[in-house]
Amino acid sequence: MESKYIVWFFFFSIATLFTICLCIGNPSARCKENERQALLVFKHDLEDPSNRLLSWAGEGDCCSWFGVVCDNSTGQFKVICLKTFDSI
């Protein structure tokens, strides 16, 4: 009976670790250089009087920029979310 619990504990531990690894993604995945450059060109064509896009600069990881959402596993840019509620 005791070995049955050990097997279940082992299975549960492996399943938990696998799930955690899937959720975390690849922490070394960073923004692609060509996508970072495209976002900087896009920013240049925007008006930003409130300076919300101040983080969109330099050589940094564009996945950490305000309003930019990237895929956790590939680092590929997915979405820009710049909606303001002031204009509603």
C-alpha atoms as a PDB file:
ATOM      1  CA  MET A   1       0.000   0.000   0.000  1.00  0.00           C
ATOM      2  CA  GLU A   2       2.828   2.384   0.877  1.00  0.00           C
ATOM      3  CA  SER A   3       4.531   1.933  -2.514  1.00  0.00           C
ATOM      4  CA  LYS A   4       1.298   3.002  -4.208  1.00  0.00           C
ATOM      5  CA  TYR A   5       1.510   6.393  -2.460  1.00  0.00           C
ATOM      6  CA  ILE A   6       5.157   6.778  -3.423  1.00  0.00           C
ATOM      7  CA  VAL A   7       4.310   6.177  -7.084  1.00  0.00           C
ATOM      8  CA  TRP A   8       1.451   8.712  -6.940  1.00  0.00           C
ATOM      9  CA  PHE A   9       3.675  11.256  -5.196  1.00  0.00           C
ATOM     10  CA  PHE A  10       6.386  10.785  -7.833  1.00  0.00           C
ATOM     11  CA  PHE A  11       3.857  11.125 -10.687  1.00  0.00           C
ATOM     12  CA  PHE A  12       2.307  14.238  -9.129  1.00  0.00           C
ATOM     13  CA  SER A  13       5.751  15.818  -8.624  1.00  0.00           C
ATOM     14  CA  ILE A  14       6.775  15.235 -12.249  1.00  0.00           C
ATOM     15  CA  ALA A  15       3.432  16.547 -13.552  1.00  0.00           C
ATOM     16  CA  THR A  16       3.748  19.671 -11.386  1.00  0.00           C
ATOM     17  CA  LEU A  17       7.296  20.395 -12.575  1.00  0.00           C
ATOM     18  CA  PHE A  18       6.269  19.907 -16.203  1.00  0.00           C
ATOM     19  CA  THR A  19       3.356  22.352 -15.777  1.00  0.00           C
ATOM     20  CA  ILE A  20       5.575  24.958 -14.116  1.00  0.00           C
ATOM     21  CA  CYS A  21       8.113  24.738 -16.952  1.00  0.00           C
ATOM     22  CA  LEU A  22       5.379  25.252 -19.544  1.00  0.00           C
ATOM     23  CA  CYS A  23       4.022  28.318 -17.746  1.00  0.00           C
ATOM     24  CA  ILE A  24       7.357  29.991 -17.212  1.00  0.00           C
ATOM     25  CA  GLY A  25       8.444  29.669 -20.811  1.00  0.00           C
ATOM     26  CA  ASN A  26      11.959  30.521 -21.852  1.00  0.00           C
ATOM     27  CA  PRO A  27      13.317  33.324 -19.661  1.00  0.00           C
ATOM     28  CA  SER A  28      16.197  33.892 -22.090  1.00  0.00           C
ATOM     29  CA  ALA A  29      13.822  34.539 -25.016  1.00  0.00           C
ATOM     30  CA  ARG A  30      14.174  38.176 -25.920  1.00  0.00           C
ATOM     31  CA  CYS A  31      12.686  40.507 -28.456  1.00  0.00           C
ATOM     32  CA  LYS A  32      13.872  39.896 -32.012  1.00  0.00           C
ATOM     33  CA  GLU A  33      16.105  42.685 -33.364  1.00  0.00           C
ATOM     34  CA  ASN A  34      14.049  43.239 -36.529  1.00  0.00           C
ATOM     35  CA  GLU A  35      10.844  43.450 -34.472  1.00  0.00           C
ATOM     36  CA  ARG A  36      12.456  45.923 -32.065  1.00  0.00           C
ATOM     37  CA  GLN A  37      13.490  48.098 -35.010  1.00  0.00           C
ATOM     38  CA  ALA A  38       9.977  47.904 -36.505  1.00  0.00           C
ATOM     39  CA  LEU A  39       8.449  48.983 -33.187  1.00  0.00           C
ATOM     40  CA  LEU A  40      10.831  51.951 -33.016  1.00  0.00           C
ATOM     41  CA  VAL A  41       9.807  52.995 -36.553  1.00  0.00           C
ATOM     42  CA  PHE A  42       6.150  52.609 -35.546  1.00  0.00           C
ATOM     43  CA  LYS A  43       6.752  54.753 -32.435  1.00  0.00           C
ATOM     44  CA  HIS A  44       8.330  57.463 -34.575  1.00  0.00           C
ATOM     45  CA  ASP A  45       5.021  57.839 -36.460  1.00  0.00           C
ATOM     46  CA  LEU A  46       2.945  58.172 -33.273  1.00  0.00           C
ATOM     47  CA  GLU A  47       2.084  61.217 -31.211  1.00  0.00           C
ATOM     48  CA  ASP A  48       2.775  60.521 -27.540  1.00  0.00           C
ATOM     49  CA  PRO A  49       2.077  63.695 -25.523  1.00  0.00           C
ATOM     50  CA  SER A  50       1.766  61.725 -22.268  1.00  0.00           C
ATOM     51  CA  ASN A  51       5.192  60.062 -22.774  1.00  0.00           C
ATOM     52  CA  ARG A  52       3.786  56.578 -22.208  1.00  0.00           C
ATOM     53  CA  LEU A  53       6.218  55.218 -24.791  1.00  0.00           C
ATOM     54  CA  LEU A  54       9.285  56.497 -22.968  1.00  0.00           C
ATOM     55  CA  SER A  55      10.413  52.899 -22.389  1.00  0.00           C
ATOM     56  CA  TRP A  56      10.492  52.351 -26.179  1.00  0.00           C
ATOM     57  CA  ALA A  57      14.136  53.306 -26.581  1.00  0.00           C
ATOM     58  CA  GLY A  58      17.683  52.086 -26.761  1.00  0.00           C
ATOM     59  CA  GLU A  59      18.967  48.572 -27.096  1.00  0.00           C
ATOM     60  CA  GLY A  60      16.741  47.098 -24.385  1.00  0.00           C
ATOM     61  CA  ASP A  61      14.415  44.140 -24.679  1.00  0.00           C
ATOM     62  CA  CYS A  62      11.261  45.403 -26.408  1.00  0.00           C
ATOM     63  CA  CYS A  63       9.238  42.708 -24.628  1.00  0.00           C
ATOM     64  CA  SER A  64       9.607  44.811 -21.476  1.00  0.00           C
ATOM     65  CA  TRP A  65       8.393  48.015 -23.137  1.00  0.00           C
ATOM     66  CA  PHE A  66       5.077  49.556 -22.113  1.00  0.00           C
ATOM     67  CA  GLY A  67       2.156  48.030 -24.022  1.00  0.00           C
ATOM     68  CA  VAL A  68       4.237  45.403 -25.847  1.00  0.00           C
ATOM     69  CA  VAL A  69       3.298  41.760 -25.345  1.00  0.00           C
ATOM     70  CA  CYS A  70       5.630  38.982 -26.508  1.00  0.00           C
ATOM     71  CA  ASP A  71       5.415  35.197 -26.616  1.00  0.00           C
ATOM     72  CA  ASN A  72       7.070  33.832 -23.458  1.00  0.00           C
ATOM     73  CA  SER A  73       8.731  30.915 -25.199  1.00  0.00           C
ATOM     74  CA  THR A  74       9.995  32.530 -28.416  1.00  0.00           C
ATOM     75  CA  GLY A  75      10.305  36.204 -27.501  1.00  0.00           C
ATOM     76  CA  GLN A  76       8.387  37.006 -30.674  1.00  0.00           C
ATOM     77  CA  PHE A  77       6.304  40.171 -30.560  1.00  0.00           C
ATOM     78  CA  LYS A  78       2.552  39.419 -30.434  1.00  0.00           C
ATOM     79  CA  VAL A  79       0.460  42.470 -29.496  1.00  0.00           C
ATOM     80  CA  ILE A  80       0.640  46.203 -28.852  1.00  0.00           C
ATOM     81  CA  CYS A  81      -1.894  47.422 -26.314  1.00  0.00           C
ATOM     82  CA  LEU A  82      -1.918  51.232 -26.172  1.00  0.00           C
ATOM     83  CA  LYS A  83      -5.629  51.851 -25.618  1.00  0.00           C
ATOM     84  CA  THR A  84      -6.475  54.713 -23.312  1.00  0.00           C
ATOM     85  CA  PHE A  85      -9.703  55.045 -21.426  1.00  0.00           C
ATOM     86  CA  ASP A  86      -9.581  58.857 -21.625  1.00  0.00           C
ATOM     87  CA  SER A  87     -10.884  58.807 -25.199  1.00  0.00           C
ATOM     88  CA  ILE A  88     -14.079  56.866 -24.427  1.00  0.00           C
END
